Amino acid sequence: MIKTFTPNDVLLYISKELPPAELIEFEEQLSSDQELMGFYIQCVTAFGLLKRAVVEPSEKSTNFILNYAKRPICR
């Protein structure tokens, strides 16, 4: 039986979580299915952009936390 791979399988493959038993079959289908390959390329590109993203809190948030930490403890 030929397995139909889903977008979720692509994500598992990229994150190296696809079961080893499915790897060869997935790679064969990936090389022959243009739609699946297109989605794979989009995901790899998106993952690459996410890795380069730098997330920092706003100055307002940082100041709020620091000021809150300076407050005396109320009992």
PDB file of N, CA and C in Angstrom:
ATOM      1  N   MET A   1       0.837  -1.177   0.000  1.00  0.00           N
ATOM      2  CA  MET A   1       0.000   0.000   0.000  1.00  0.00           C
ATOM      3  C   MET A   1       0.886   1.246   0.000  1.00  0.00           C
ATOM      4  N   ILE A   2       0.556   2.189  -0.842  1.00  0.00           N
ATOM      5  CA  ILE A   2       1.312   3.433  -0.918  1.00  0.00           C
ATOM      6  C   ILE A   2       0.717   4.434   0.067  1.00  0.00           C
ATOM      7  N   LYS A   3       1.557   4.977   0.926  1.00  0.00           N
ATOM      8  CA  LYS A   3       1.111   5.951   1.922  1.00  0.00           C
ATOM      9  C   LYS A   3       1.063   7.334   1.282  1.00  0.00           C
ATOM     10  N   THR A   4       0.010   8.062   1.580  1.00  0.00           N
ATOM     11  CA  THR A   4      -0.082   9.452   1.148  1.00  0.00           C
ATOM     12  C   THR A   4       0.426  10.305   2.287  1.00  0.00           C
ATOM     13  N   PHE A   5       1.442  11.093   2.018  1.00  0.00           N
ATOM     14  CA  PHE A   5       2.030  11.924   3.058  1.00  0.00           C
ATOM     15  C   PHE A   5       1.318  13.264   3.129  1.00  0.00           C
ATOM     16  N   THR A   6       1.230  13.792   4.319  1.00  0.00           N
ATOM     17  CA  THR A   6       0.505  15.036   4.588  1.00  0.00           C
ATOM     18  C   THR A   6       1.492  16.166   4.904  1.00  0.00           C
ATOM     19  N   PRO A   7       1.000  17.405   4.944  1.00  0.00           N
ATOM     20  CA  PRO A   7       1.866  18.504   5.374  1.00  0.00           C
ATOM     21  C   PRO A   7       2.471  18.253   6.757  1.00  0.00           C
ATOM     22  N   ASN A   8       1.737  17.573   7.619  1.00  0.00           N
ATOM     23  CA  ASN A   8       2.268  17.260   8.949  1.00  0.00           C
ATOM     24  C   ASN A   8       3.496  16.355   8.842  1.00  0.00           C
ATOM     25  N   ASP A   9       3.477  15.430   7.896  1.00  0.00           N
ATOM     26  CA  ASP A   9       4.630  14.553   7.686  1.00  0.00           C
ATOM     27  C   ASP A   9       5.843  15.360   7.227  1.00  0.00           C
ATOM     28  N   VAL A  10       5.609  16.400   6.424  1.00  0.00           N
ATOM     29  CA  VAL A  10       6.706  17.265   5.979  1.00  0.00           C
ATOM     30  C   VAL A  10       7.350  17.927   7.189  1.00  0.00           C
ATOM     31  N   LEU A  11       6.521  18.425   8.097  1.00  0.00           N
ATOM     32  CA  LEU A  11       7.051  19.071   9.306  1.00  0.00           C
ATOM     33  C   LEU A  11       7.821  18.079  10.174  1.00  0.00           C
ATOM     34  N   LEU A  12       7.311  16.872  10.270  1.00  0.00           N
ATOM     35  CA  LEU A  12       8.022  15.832  11.028  1.00  0.00           C
ATOM     36  C   LEU A  12       9.357  15.513  10.378  1.00  0.00           C
ATOM     37  N   TYR A  13       9.383  15.476   9.055  1.00  0.00           N
ATOM     38  CA  TYR A  13      10.620  15.196   8.326  1.00  0.00           C
ATOM     39  C   TYR A  13      11.650  16.294   8.560  1.00  0.00           C
ATOM     40  N   ILE A  14      11.223  17.544   8.461  1.00  0.00           N
ATOM     41  CA  ILE A  14      12.134  18.673   8.647  1.00  0.00           C
ATOM     42  C   ILE A  14      12.708  18.676  10.059  1.00  0.00           C
ATOM     43  N   SER A  15      11.870  18.358  11.030  1.00  0.00           N
ATOM     44  CA  SER A  15      12.326  18.371  12.423  1.00  0.00           C
ATOM     45  C   SER A  15      12.957  17.041  12.836  1.00  0.00           C
ATOM     46  N   LYS A  16      13.165  16.158  11.869  1.00  0.00           N
ATOM     47  CA  LYS A  16      13.801  14.854  12.082  1.00  0.00           C
ATOM     48  C   LYS A  16      13.037  13.979  13.085  1.00  0.00           C
ATOM     49  N   GLU A  17      11.701  14.050  12.997  1.00  0.00           N
ATOM     50  CA  GLU A  17      10.848  13.259  13.878  1.00  0.00           C
ATOM     51  C   GLU A  17       9.992  12.250  13.113  1.00  0.00           C
ATOM     52  N   LEU A  18      10.176  12.174  11.790  1.00  0.00           N
ATOM     53  CA  LEU A  18       9.433  11.194  10.993  1.00  0.00           C
ATOM     54  C   LEU A  18       9.959   9.802  11.347  1.00  0.00           C
ATOM     55  N   PRO A  19       9.072   8.855  11.593  1.00  0.00           N
ATOM     56  CA  PRO A  19       9.528   7.505  11.960  1.00  0.00           C
ATOM     57  C   PRO A  19      10.491   6.947  10.905  1.00  0.00           C
ATOM     58  N   PRO A  20      11.571   6.315  11.344  1.00  0.00           N
ATOM     59  CA  PRO A  20      12.572   5.776  10.415  1.00  0.00           C
ATOM     60  C   PRO A  20      11.967   4.852   9.354  1.00  0.00           C
ATOM     61  N   ALA A  21      10.927   4.128   9.702  1.00  0.00           N
ATOM     62  CA  ALA A  21      10.297   3.203   8.758  1.00  0.00           C
ATOM     63  C   ALA A  21       9.663   3.939   7.577  1.00  0.00           C
ATOM     64  N   GLU A  22       9.376   5.230   7.731  1.00  0.00           N
ATOM     65  CA  GLU A  22       8.718   5.999   6.676  1.00  0.00           C
ATOM     66  C   GLU A  22       9.678   6.887   5.896  1.00  0.00           C
ATOM     67  N   LEU A  23      10.920   7.001   6.336  1.00  0.00           N
ATOM     68  CA  LEU A  23      11.873   7.923   5.717  1.00  0.00           C
ATOM     69  C   LEU A  23      12.086   7.687   4.225  1.00  0.00           C
ATOM     70  N   ILE A  24      12.408   6.475   3.837  1.00  0.00           N
ATOM     71  CA  ILE A  24      12.723   6.182   2.432  1.00  0.00           C
ATOM     72  C   ILE A  24      11.505   6.430   1.557  1.00  0.00           C
ATOM     73  N   GLU A  25      10.355   5.940   1.997  1.00  0.00           N
ATOM     74  CA  GLU A  25       9.127   6.135   1.213  1.00  0.00           C
ATOM     75  C   GLU A  25       8.789   7.618   1.098  1.00  0.00           C
ATOM     76  N   PHE A  26       8.983   8.356   2.181  1.00  0.00           N
ATOM     77  CA  PHE A  26       8.704   9.792   2.145  1.00  0.00           C
ATOM     78  C   PHE A  26       9.639  10.492   1.158  1.00  0.00           C
ATOM     79  N   GLU A  27      10.927  10.195   1.235  1.00  0.00           N
ATOM     80  CA  GLU A  27      11.895  10.838   0.345  1.00  0.00           C
ATOM     81  C   GLU A  27      11.625  10.496  -1.124  1.00  0.00           C
ATOM     82  N   GLU A  28      11.182   9.269  -1.395  1.00  0.00           N
ATOM     83  CA  GLU A  28      10.824   8.893  -2.766  1.00  0.00           C
ATOM     84  C   GLU A  28       9.633   9.704  -3.256  1.00  0.00           C
ATOM     85  N   GLN A  29       8.614   9.837  -2.397  1.00  0.00           N
ATOM     86  CA  GLN A  29       7.437  10.608  -2.797  1.00  0.00           C
ATOM     87  C   GLN A  29       7.785  12.089  -2.914  1.00  0.00           C
ATOM     88  N   LEU A  30       8.649  12.573  -2.048  1.00  0.00           N
ATOM     89  CA  LEU A  30       9.059  13.974  -2.087  1.00  0.00           C
ATOM     90  C   LEU A  30       9.742  14.292  -3.416  1.00  0.00           C
ATOM     91  N   SER A  31      10.544  13.369  -3.904  1.00  0.00           N
ATOM     92  CA  SER A  31      11.263  13.621  -5.158  1.00  0.00           C
ATOM     93  C   SER A  31      10.368  13.503  -6.389  1.00  0.00           C
ATOM     94  N   SER A  32       9.206  12.882  -6.252  1.00  0.00           N
ATOM     95  CA  SER A  32       8.339  12.710  -7.410  1.00  0.00           C
ATOM     96  C   SER A  32       7.046  13.539  -7.354  1.00  0.00           C
ATOM     97  N   ASP A  33       6.761  14.155  -6.226  1.00  0.00           N
ATOM     98  CA  ASP A  33       5.517  14.921  -6.054  1.00  0.00           C
ATOM     99  C   ASP A  33       5.855  16.410  -5.954  1.00  0.00           C
ATOM    100  N   GLN A  34       5.556  17.153  -7.021  1.00  0.00           N
ATOM    101  CA  GLN A  34       5.922  18.570  -7.055  1.00  0.00           C
ATOM    102  C   GLN A  34       5.189  19.393  -5.994  1.00  0.00           C
ATOM    103  N   GLU A  35       3.948  19.048  -5.733  1.00  0.00           N
ATOM    104  CA  GLU A  35       3.186  19.792  -4.721  1.00  0.00           C
ATOM    105  C   GLU A  35       3.787  19.584  -3.334  1.00  0.00           C
ATOM    106  N   LEU A  36       4.127  18.348  -3.020  1.00  0.00           N
ATOM    107  CA  LEU A  36       4.747  18.037  -1.734  1.00  0.00           C
ATOM    108  C   LEU A  36       6.107  18.723  -1.631  1.00  0.00           C
ATOM    109  N   MET A  37       6.880  18.692  -2.720  1.00  0.00           N
ATOM    110  CA  MET A  37       8.195  19.345  -2.735  1.00  0.00           C
ATOM    111  C   MET A  37       8.048  20.856  -2.553  1.00  0.00           C
ATOM    112  N   GLY A  38       7.039  21.443  -3.178  1.00  0.00           N
ATOM    113  CA  GLY A  38       6.801  22.884  -3.027  1.00  0.00           C
ATOM    114  C   GLY A  38       6.517  23.250  -1.582  1.00  0.00           C
ATOM    115  N   PHE A  39       5.688  22.437  -0.924  1.00  0.00           N
ATOM    116  CA  PHE A  39       5.383  22.700   0.484  1.00  0.00           C
ATOM    117  C   PHE A  39       6.623  22.517   1.347  1.00  0.00           C
ATOM    118  N   TYR A  40       7.420  21.500   1.020  1.00  0.00           N
ATOM    119  CA  TYR A  40       8.664  21.252   1.747  1.00  0.00           C
ATOM    120  C   TYR A  40       9.592  22.475   1.647  1.00  0.00           C
ATOM    121  N   ILE A  41       9.757  22.996   0.452  1.00  0.00           N
ATOM    122  CA  ILE A  41      10.636  24.154   0.241  1.00  0.00           C
ATOM    123  C   ILE A  41      10.119  25.368   1.011  1.00  0.00           C
ATOM    124  N   GLN A  42       8.807  25.594   0.982  1.00  0.00           N
ATOM    125  CA  GLN A  42       8.222  26.706   1.749  1.00  0.00           C
ATOM    126  C   GLN A  42       8.502  26.552   3.241  1.00  0.00           C
ATOM    127  N   CYS A  43       8.361  25.339   3.743  1.00  0.00           N
ATOM    128  CA  CYS A  43       8.584  25.102   5.176  1.00  0.00           C
ATOM    129  C   CYS A  43      10.048  25.290   5.558  1.00  0.00           C
ATOM    130  N   VAL A  44      10.955  24.772   4.735  1.00  0.00           N
ATOM    131  CA  VAL A  44      12.384  24.917   5.028  1.00  0.00           C
ATOM    132  C   VAL A  44      12.752  26.399   5.030  1.00  0.00           C
ATOM    133  N   THR A  45      12.218  27.143   4.084  1.00  0.00           N
ATOM    134  CA  THR A  45      12.469  28.589   4.023  1.00  0.00           C
ATOM    135  C   THR A  45      11.933  29.279   5.272  1.00  0.00           C
ATOM    136  N   ALA A  46      10.713  28.933   5.676  1.00  0.00           N
ATOM    137  CA  ALA A  46      10.106  29.544   6.863  1.00  0.00           C
ATOM    138  C   ALA A  46      10.902  29.209   8.123  1.00  0.00           C
ATOM    139  N   PHE A  47      11.330  27.953   8.255  1.00  0.00           N
ATOM    140  CA  PHE A  47      12.122  27.563   9.424  1.00  0.00           C
ATOM    141  C   PHE A  47      13.432  28.339   9.467  1.00  0.00           C
ATOM    142  N   GLY A  48      14.043  28.530   8.305  1.00  0.00           N
ATOM    143  CA  GLY A  48      15.285  29.294   8.245  1.00  0.00           C
ATOM    144  C   GLY A  48      15.097  30.729   8.687  1.00  0.00           C
ATOM    145  N   LEU A  49      13.978  31.327   8.275  1.00  0.00           N
ATOM    146  CA  LEU A  49      13.695  32.703   8.685  1.00  0.00           C
ATOM    147  C   LEU A  49      13.401  32.785  10.180  1.00  0.00           C
ATOM    148  N   LEU A  50      12.716  31.787  10.708  1.00  0.00           N
ATOM    149  CA  LEU A  50      12.413  31.784  12.145  1.00  0.00           C
ATOM    150  C   LEU A  50      13.679  31.679  12.984  1.00  0.00           C
ATOM    151  N   LYS A  51      14.638  30.894  12.516  1.00  0.00           N
ATOM    152  CA  LYS A  51      15.889  30.744  13.265  1.00  0.00           C
ATOM    153  C   LYS A  51      16.658  32.054  13.347  1.00  0.00           C
ATOM    154  N   ARG A  52      16.495  32.910  12.342  1.00  0.00           N
ATOM    155  CA  ARG A  52      17.219  34.180  12.327  1.00  0.00           C
ATOM    156  C   ARG A  52      16.473  35.287  13.061  1.00  0.00           C
ATOM    157  N   ALA A  53      15.218  35.049  13.403  1.00  0.00           N
ATOM    158  CA  ALA A  53      14.421  36.069  14.070  1.00  0.00           C
ATOM    159  C   ALA A  53      14.937  36.296  15.496  1.00  0.00           C
ATOM    160  N   VAL A  54      14.994  37.550  15.885  1.00  0.00           N
ATOM    161  CA  VAL A  54      15.418  37.908  17.224  1.00  0.00           C
ATOM    162  C   VAL A  54      14.202  38.507  17.931  1.00  0.00           C
ATOM    163  N   VAL A  55      13.862  37.915  19.028  1.00  0.00           N
ATOM    164  CA  VAL A  55      12.695  38.378  19.759  1.00  0.00           C
ATOM    165  C   VAL A  55      13.159  38.998  21.068  1.00  0.00           C
ATOM    166  N   GLU A  56      12.802  40.241  21.263  1.00  0.00           N
ATOM    167  CA  GLU A  56      13.151  40.947  22.491  1.00  0.00           C
ATOM    168  C   GLU A  56      11.914  41.651  23.014  1.00  0.00           C
ATOM    169  N   PRO A  57      11.786  41.754  24.331  1.00  0.00           N
ATOM    170  CA  PRO A  57      10.642  42.492  24.879  1.00  0.00           C
ATOM    171  C   PRO A  57      10.806  43.983  24.605  1.00  0.00           C
ATOM    172  N   SER A  58       9.689  44.669  24.558  1.00  0.00           N
ATOM    173  CA  SER A  58       9.753  46.110  24.352  1.00  0.00           C
ATOM    174  C   SER A  58      10.366  46.776  25.589  1.00  0.00           C
ATOM    175  N   GLU A  59      10.867  47.978  25.415  1.00  0.00           N
ATOM    176  CA  GLU A  59      11.447  48.722  26.538  1.00  0.00           C
ATOM    177  C   GLU A  59      10.386  48.974  27.600  1.00  0.00           C
ATOM    178  N   LYS A  60       9.163  49.223  27.173  1.00  0.00           N
ATOM    179  CA  LYS A  60       8.063  49.469  28.109  1.00  0.00           C
ATOM    180  C   LYS A  60       7.837  48.237  29.001  1.00  0.00           C
ATOM    181  N   SER A  61       7.844  47.049  28.397  1.00  0.00           N
ATOM    182  CA  SER A  61       7.645  45.812  29.169  1.00  0.00           C
ATOM    183  C   SER A  61       8.791  45.585  30.155  1.00  0.00           C
ATOM    184  N   THR A  62      10.009  45.797  29.688  1.00  0.00           N
ATOM    185  CA  THR A  62      11.175  45.611  30.547  1.00  0.00           C
ATOM    186  C   THR A  62      11.124  46.562  31.733  1.00  0.00           C
ATOM    187  N   ASN A  63      10.806  47.828  31.482  1.00  0.00           N
ATOM    188  CA  ASN A  63      10.727  48.810  32.566  1.00  0.00           C
ATOM    189  C   ASN A  63       9.621  48.471  33.549  1.00  0.00           C
ATOM    190  N   PHE A  64       8.482  47.988  33.063  1.00  0.00           N
ATOM    191  CA  PHE A  64       7.381  47.612  33.946  1.00  0.00           C
ATOM    192  C   PHE A  64       7.825  46.494  34.890  1.00  0.00           C
ATOM    193  N   ILE A  65       8.495  45.497  34.356  1.00  0.00           N
ATOM    194  CA  ILE A  65       8.950  44.363  35.179  1.00  0.00           C
ATOM    195  C   ILE A  65       9.987  44.820  36.201  1.00  0.00           C
ATOM    196  N   LEU A  66      10.942  45.640  35.774  1.00  0.00           N
ATOM    197  CA  LEU A  66      11.973  46.124  36.700  1.00  0.00           C
ATOM    198  C   LEU A  66      11.372  46.981  37.808  1.00  0.00           C
ATOM    199  N   ASN A  67      10.441  47.849  37.452  1.00  0.00           N
ATOM    200  CA  ASN A  67       9.781  48.685  38.469  1.00  0.00           C
ATOM    201  C   ASN A  67       8.943  47.841  39.416  1.00  0.00           C
ATOM    202  N   TYR A  68       8.274  46.841  38.897  1.00  0.00           N
ATOM    203  CA  TYR A  68       7.468  45.971  39.747  1.00  0.00           C
ATOM    204  C   TYR A  68       8.374  45.215  40.727  1.00  0.00           C
ATOM    205  N   ALA A  69       9.525  44.788  40.264  1.00  0.00           N
ATOM    206  CA  ALA A  69      10.458  44.054  41.112  1.00  0.00           C
ATOM    207  C   ALA A  69      11.018  44.908  42.236  1.00  0.00           C
ATOM    208  N   LYS A  70      11.052  46.202  42.056  1.00  0.00           N
ATOM    209  CA  LYS A  70      11.579  47.109  43.076  1.00  0.00           C
ATOM    210  C   LYS A  70      10.587  47.394  44.188  1.00  0.00           C
ATOM    211  N   ARG A  71       9.319  47.087  43.954  1.00  0.00           N
ATOM    212  CA  ARG A  71       8.270  47.392  44.946  1.00  0.00           C
ATOM    213  C   ARG A  71       8.439  46.531  46.184  1.00  0.00           C
ATOM    214  N   PRO A  72       8.125  47.122  47.339  1.00  0.00           N
ATOM    215  CA  PRO A  72       8.203  46.324  48.579  1.00  0.00           C
ATOM    216  C   PRO A  72       7.090  45.258  48.565  1.00  0.00           C
ATOM    217  N   ILE A  73       7.350  44.176  49.235  1.00  0.00           N
ATOM    218  CA  ILE A  73       6.382  43.099  49.293  1.00  0.00           C
ATOM    219  C   ILE A  73       5.269  43.490  50.261  1.00  0.00           C
ATOM    220  N   CYS A  74       4.042  43.425  49.785  1.00  0.00           N
ATOM    221  CA  CYS A  74       2.881  43.764  50.626  1.00  0.00           C
ATOM    222  C   CYS A  74       2.364  42.485  51.302  1.00  0.00           C
ATOM    223  N   ARG A  75       2.092  42.631  52.618  1.00  0.00           N
ATOM    224  CA  ARG A  75       1.581  41.476  53.359  1.00  0.00           C
ATOM    225  C   ARG A  75       0.303  41.820  54.061  1.00  0.00           C
TER     226      ARG A  75
END
